[in-house]
Amino acid sequence: MSRTAKEAPFKVPHNDAKATNCRRHGDLMVFELVDDHKMPDLKPVAKQVLAEGEVTGHMHTVDASGLDIGVLCSLEQDGDVWFSIEKAELPLTHQEHSTITLPPGKYFATRQEEYDPNVQRRRVMD
């Protein structure tokens, strides 16, 4: 599922954030947030694992190693990740999926969920 920035903002699951775009990377959903969204307190990092496989150990990773400090800032919260990218596009990689490029902006990453009538909602795992 992918939306263009021309569409009206939509609500991000499980919080009050609004997004203009959503990118799917395997079982990971990456929401590009509206520009005026107030982010939680983020810390500068060189590399951020957005999600890790429970069996294989494969990881969805955004990597800003070798770039200016402050290009990538993040905060993990309840298994989800808030992050921002400044100044440069960054690749989102995984050992079993094609690399996608994320432009500068504010993001929220969470695992895709599925509905099971016996357990309600559950996160999809690679």
Protein backbone atom coordinates (compact mmCIF):
# COMPACT_ATOMS: atom_id res chain seq x y z
CA MET A 1 0.00 0.00 0.00
CA SER A 2 1.41 3.37 -0.93
CA ARG A 3 -0.25 6.76 -0.96
CA THR A 4 0.99 9.94 -2.55
CA ALA A 5 1.69 13.12 -0.61
CA LYS A 6 -1.16 14.78 -2.56
CA GLU A 7 -3.75 12.74 -0.69
CA ALA A 8 -5.27 13.91 2.57
CA PRO A 9 -3.45 12.79 5.73
CA PHE A 10 -4.74 9.58 7.32
CA LYS A 11 -4.57 8.23 10.88
CA VAL A 12 -1.67 5.95 11.84
CA PRO A 13 -2.74 2.76 13.70
CA HIS A 14 -2.36 2.75 17.53
CA ASN A 15 -1.57 6.44 18.04
CA ASP A 16 -2.87 9.88 17.14
CA ALA A 17 -0.27 10.61 14.44
CA LYS A 18 -1.31 11.53 10.92
CA ALA A 19 0.58 10.27 7.87
CA THR A 20 0.78 11.22 4.19
CA ASN A 21 2.37 8.00 2.93
CA CYS A 22 2.82 4.38 3.93
CA ARG A 23 5.48 1.98 2.68
CA ARG A 24 5.40 -1.76 3.30
CA HIS A 25 8.72 -3.58 3.69
CA GLY A 26 7.90 -7.24 4.30
CA ASP A 27 5.96 -7.33 7.58
CA LEU A 28 7.00 -3.77 8.47
CA MET A 29 4.77 -0.75 7.85
CA VAL A 30 6.61 2.59 7.62
CA PHE A 31 4.39 5.66 7.88
CA GLU A 32 5.69 9.03 6.68
CA LEU A 33 4.20 11.54 9.11
CA VAL A 34 2.84 15.00 8.36
CA ASP A 35 5.49 17.73 8.61
CA ASP A 36 3.95 19.43 11.66
CA HIS A 37 3.69 16.25 13.79
CA LYS A 38 5.35 16.73 17.19
CA MET A 39 7.78 13.84 17.61
CA PRO A 40 8.80 12.33 20.96
CA ASP A 41 12.34 13.09 22.17
CA LEU A 42 14.59 11.36 19.63
CA LYS A 43 18.28 10.54 20.08
CA PRO A 44 20.90 10.75 17.31
CA VAL A 45 21.97 7.29 16.10
CA ALA A 46 24.13 5.97 13.27
CA LYS A 47 22.00 2.88 12.66
CA GLN A 48 18.50 1.84 13.72
CA VAL A 49 16.96 -1.64 13.61
CA LEU A 50 13.25 -1.06 12.96
CA ALA A 51 12.26 -4.72 13.40
CA GLU A 52 14.07 -8.02 13.88
CA GLY A 53 12.90 -11.46 12.77
CA GLU A 54 12.05 -13.76 15.67
CA VAL A 55 13.41 -16.90 13.97
CA THR A 56 16.01 -15.89 11.38
CA GLY A 57 17.50 -12.85 13.10
CA HIS A 58 17.11 -10.86 9.86
CA MET A 59 16.56 -7.14 10.42
CA HIS A 60 14.82 -4.18 8.82
CA THR A 61 17.51 -1.50 9.22
CA VAL A 62 18.00 2.18 8.40
CA ASP A 63 21.70 3.02 8.32
CA ALA A 64 23.29 6.49 8.35
CA SER A 65 26.82 5.31 9.21
CA GLY A 66 29.43 7.59 7.70
CA LEU A 67 27.06 10.56 7.46
CA ASP A 68 26.89 13.66 9.65
CA ILE A 69 25.67 13.06 13.18
CA GLY A 70 22.01 14.00 13.46
CA VAL A 71 21.03 12.64 10.04
CA LEU A 72 19.14 9.82 11.76
CA CYS A 73 17.40 10.15 15.15
CA SER A 74 15.13 7.57 16.74
CA LEU A 75 13.21 6.28 19.74
CA GLU A 76 11.94 2.73 20.30
CA GLN A 77 8.63 2.59 22.13
CA ASP A 78 6.49 -0.51 22.81
CA GLY A 79 8.03 -2.46 19.91
CA ASP A 80 7.51 0.40 17.47
CA VAL A 81 10.06 2.98 16.30
CA TRP A 82 9.71 6.72 15.81
CA PHE A 83 12.51 8.14 13.67
CA SER A 84 13.45 11.15 11.57
CA ILE A 85 15.80 11.48 8.64
CA GLU A 86 17.51 14.81 8.03
CA LYS A 87 19.45 16.08 5.00
CA ALA A 88 19.74 12.87 2.95
CA GLU A 89 17.79 9.88 1.67
CA LEU A 90 18.57 6.65 3.52
CA PRO A 91 18.18 3.02 2.48
CA LEU A 92 15.87 0.66 4.39
CA THR A 93 17.39 -2.80 4.07
CA HIS A 94 16.52 -6.40 4.94
CA GLN A 95 18.22 -9.65 3.96
CA GLU A 96 15.10 -11.02 2.21
CA HIS A 97 13.48 -7.88 0.74
CA SER A 98 14.44 -5.31 -1.86
CA THR A 99 16.02 -2.15 -0.48
CA ILE A 100 13.77 0.91 -0.49
CA THR A 101 14.90 4.51 -0.09
CA LEU A 102 13.32 6.83 2.46
CA PRO A 103 13.49 10.58 1.82
CA PRO A 104 14.12 13.08 4.63
CA GLY A 105 11.12 13.31 6.93
CA LYS A 106 9.43 12.05 10.09
CA TYR A 107 8.47 8.37 10.35
CA PHE A 108 6.69 5.80 12.50
CA ALA A 109 7.46 2.10 11.93
CA THR A 110 5.32 -0.77 13.23
CA ARG A 111 4.75 -4.39 12.32
CA GLN A 112 1.82 -5.28 10.12
CA GLU A 113 -1.11 -6.80 12.01
CA GLU A 114 -3.62 -9.44 11.10
CA TYR A 115 -6.97 -10.25 12.65
CA ASP A 116 -7.64 -13.67 14.15
CA PRO A 117 -11.08 -14.10 15.76
CA ASN A 118 -9.54 -16.25 18.50
CA VAL A 119 -6.90 -13.73 19.60
CA GLN A 120 -8.18 -10.47 18.03
CA ARG A 121 -5.17 -8.62 16.58
CA ARG A 122 -1.67 -9.99 16.34
CA ARG A 123 1.50 -8.74 14.71
CA VAL A 124 2.72 -10.41 11.54
CA MET A 125 6.24 -11.82 11.89
CA ASP A 126 8.77 -12.59 9.14
